Amino acid sequence: MAKITIRKADGTWTVRAGGAVLAESRNALELTEGDYPFVIYFPRADIAMAFLEPSEQTSHCPFKGDARYFSIVTKSQTLTNAAWSYEDPRPEVAAIRDHIAFYATESVAVERV
């Protein structure tokens, strides 16, 4: 099994896309899985959910469970499957329940401020 660690992310983290701030949180979680770069998971309460539209996309991780995806919809663009969430994660990673992670791309900035 890939070693997964979850800890509170230091500082304040934001997500920006299409000129809008989609999330800002001091309660984000940093998940590290094996040798992969860490991923920031934002609490739903700190996300402007109006910008997120559930998509049909799903995936399965043997270590975290089933993920569902969201597209980011802004005035200027729709970014398909740009975020994901584990609605019912495996017990070992239960801390990421009710959190959403975003793919950092040239259209989506995930950064510590």
Protein backbone atom coordinates (compact mmCIF):
# COMPACT_ATOMS: atom_id res chain seq x y z
CA MET A 1 0.00 0.00 0.00
CA ALA A 2 1.22 3.49 -0.82
CA LYS A 3 2.00 5.42 2.32
CA ILE A 4 -0.54 8.21 2.72
CA THR A 5 -0.08 11.00 5.23
CA ILE A 6 -2.59 13.74 5.93
CA ARG A 7 -1.79 16.83 7.96
CA LYS A 8 -3.10 20.33 8.36
CA ALA A 9 -1.60 22.50 5.64
CA ASP A 10 0.40 25.44 6.97
CA GLY A 11 -0.91 28.95 6.32
CA THR A 12 -3.74 30.11 4.10
CA TRP A 13 -4.40 28.38 0.77
CA THR A 14 -6.45 29.65 -2.16
CA VAL A 15 -7.83 28.40 -5.45
CA ARG A 16 -8.32 30.86 -8.32
CA ALA A 17 -9.76 30.27 -11.79
CA GLY A 18 -11.30 32.51 -14.43
CA GLY A 19 -10.48 35.62 -12.41
CA ALA A 20 -12.45 34.38 -9.40
CA VAL A 21 -11.33 33.14 -5.99
CA LEU A 22 -13.03 29.76 -5.62
CA ALA A 23 -11.64 28.84 -2.23
CA GLU A 24 -9.66 30.32 0.63
CA SER A 25 -8.87 28.31 3.71
CA ARG A 26 -6.72 28.23 6.81
CA ASN A 27 -8.06 24.70 7.45
CA ALA A 28 -6.87 22.97 4.29
CA LEU A 29 -5.32 19.51 4.50
CA GLU A 30 -2.11 18.36 2.84
CA LEU A 31 -2.26 14.78 1.59
CA THR A 32 0.95 13.05 0.52
CA GLU A 33 0.75 9.68 -1.21
CA GLY A 34 3.94 7.74 -1.81
CA ASP A 35 6.38 9.67 -4.02
CA TYR A 36 3.69 11.88 -5.59
CA PRO A 37 3.66 15.65 -4.95
CA PHE A 38 1.34 16.63 -2.10
CA VAL A 39 -2.27 17.61 -2.83
CA ILE A 40 -4.21 20.29 -0.95
CA TYR A 41 -7.76 19.36 0.07
CA PHE A 42 -10.08 22.27 0.88
CA PRO A 43 -13.02 22.00 3.29
CA ARG A 44 -16.31 22.41 1.39
CA ALA A 45 -17.28 25.16 3.83
CA ASP A 46 -14.37 27.26 2.47
CA ILE A 47 -15.23 26.76 -1.22
CA ALA A 48 -17.59 28.88 -3.33
CA MET A 49 -19.57 25.80 -4.36
CA ALA A 50 -21.64 27.86 -6.85
CA PHE A 51 -18.62 27.64 -9.20
CA LEU A 52 -18.54 23.83 -9.06
CA GLU A 53 -20.81 21.62 -11.08
CA PRO A 54 -20.80 17.84 -10.47
CA SER A 55 -19.67 15.93 -13.56
CA GLU A 56 -20.26 12.35 -14.68
CA GLN A 57 -16.58 11.48 -14.16
CA THR A 58 -15.64 9.05 -11.39
CA SER A 59 -12.50 7.11 -10.51
CA HIS A 60 -11.38 4.57 -7.96
CA CYS A 61 -8.28 4.61 -5.78
CA PRO A 62 -7.57 1.38 -3.87
CA PHE A 63 -6.21 3.45 -0.96
CA LYS A 64 -8.72 6.32 -0.78
CA GLY A 65 -11.93 4.96 -2.34
CA ASP A 66 -14.23 6.28 -5.07
CA ALA A 67 -13.82 9.85 -6.28
CA ARG A 68 -16.37 12.04 -7.98
CA TYR A 69 -15.39 15.02 -10.08
CA PHE A 70 -16.50 18.59 -10.53
CA SER A 71 -16.15 21.05 -13.36
CA ILE A 72 -15.36 24.68 -12.56
CA VAL A 73 -17.80 27.05 -14.25
CA THR A 74 -16.79 30.73 -14.42
CA LYS A 75 -18.04 33.61 -16.58
CA SER A 76 -15.24 33.07 -19.05
CA GLN A 77 -14.84 29.28 -19.18
CA THR A 78 -15.78 25.80 -18.03
CA LEU A 79 -12.89 23.68 -16.79
CA THR A 80 -14.06 20.08 -17.07
CA ASN A 81 -13.24 17.66 -14.24
CA ALA A 82 -10.96 20.22 -12.58
CA ALA A 83 -11.66 19.11 -8.99
CA TRP A 84 -12.45 15.91 -7.15
CA SER A 85 -13.75 14.66 -3.85
CA TYR A 86 -13.92 11.38 -1.96
CA GLU A 87 -17.49 11.44 -0.65
CA ASP A 88 -17.09 8.24 1.37
CA PRO A 89 -13.34 7.72 1.77
CA ARG A 90 -11.75 4.62 3.24
CA PRO A 91 -11.42 4.79 7.06
CA GLU A 92 -7.63 5.33 6.89
CA VAL A 93 -8.15 8.65 5.04
CA ALA A 94 -11.46 9.69 6.63
CA ALA A 95 -10.03 13.18 7.29
CA ILE A 96 -10.57 14.12 3.60
CA ARG A 97 -14.33 13.55 3.79
CA ASP A 98 -16.18 16.81 2.96
CA HIS A 99 -13.04 18.19 1.25
CA ILE A 100 -12.37 18.92 -2.41
CA ALA A 101 -9.02 18.99 -4.21
CA PHE A 102 -8.23 20.90 -7.41
CA TYR A 103 -5.87 20.12 -10.28
CA ALA A 104 -3.32 22.94 -10.47
CA THR A 105 -3.04 23.90 -14.15
CA GLU A 106 -2.34 27.04 -16.13
CA SER A 107 -6.07 27.81 -15.71
CA VAL A 108 -6.36 26.90 -12.02
CA ALA A 109 -4.00 28.31 -9.38
CA VAL A 110 -3.71 26.42 -6.09
CA GLU A 111 -1.35 28.35 -3.86
CA ARG A 112 -0.37 29.35 -0.40
CA VAL A 113 -0.82 33.08 0.18
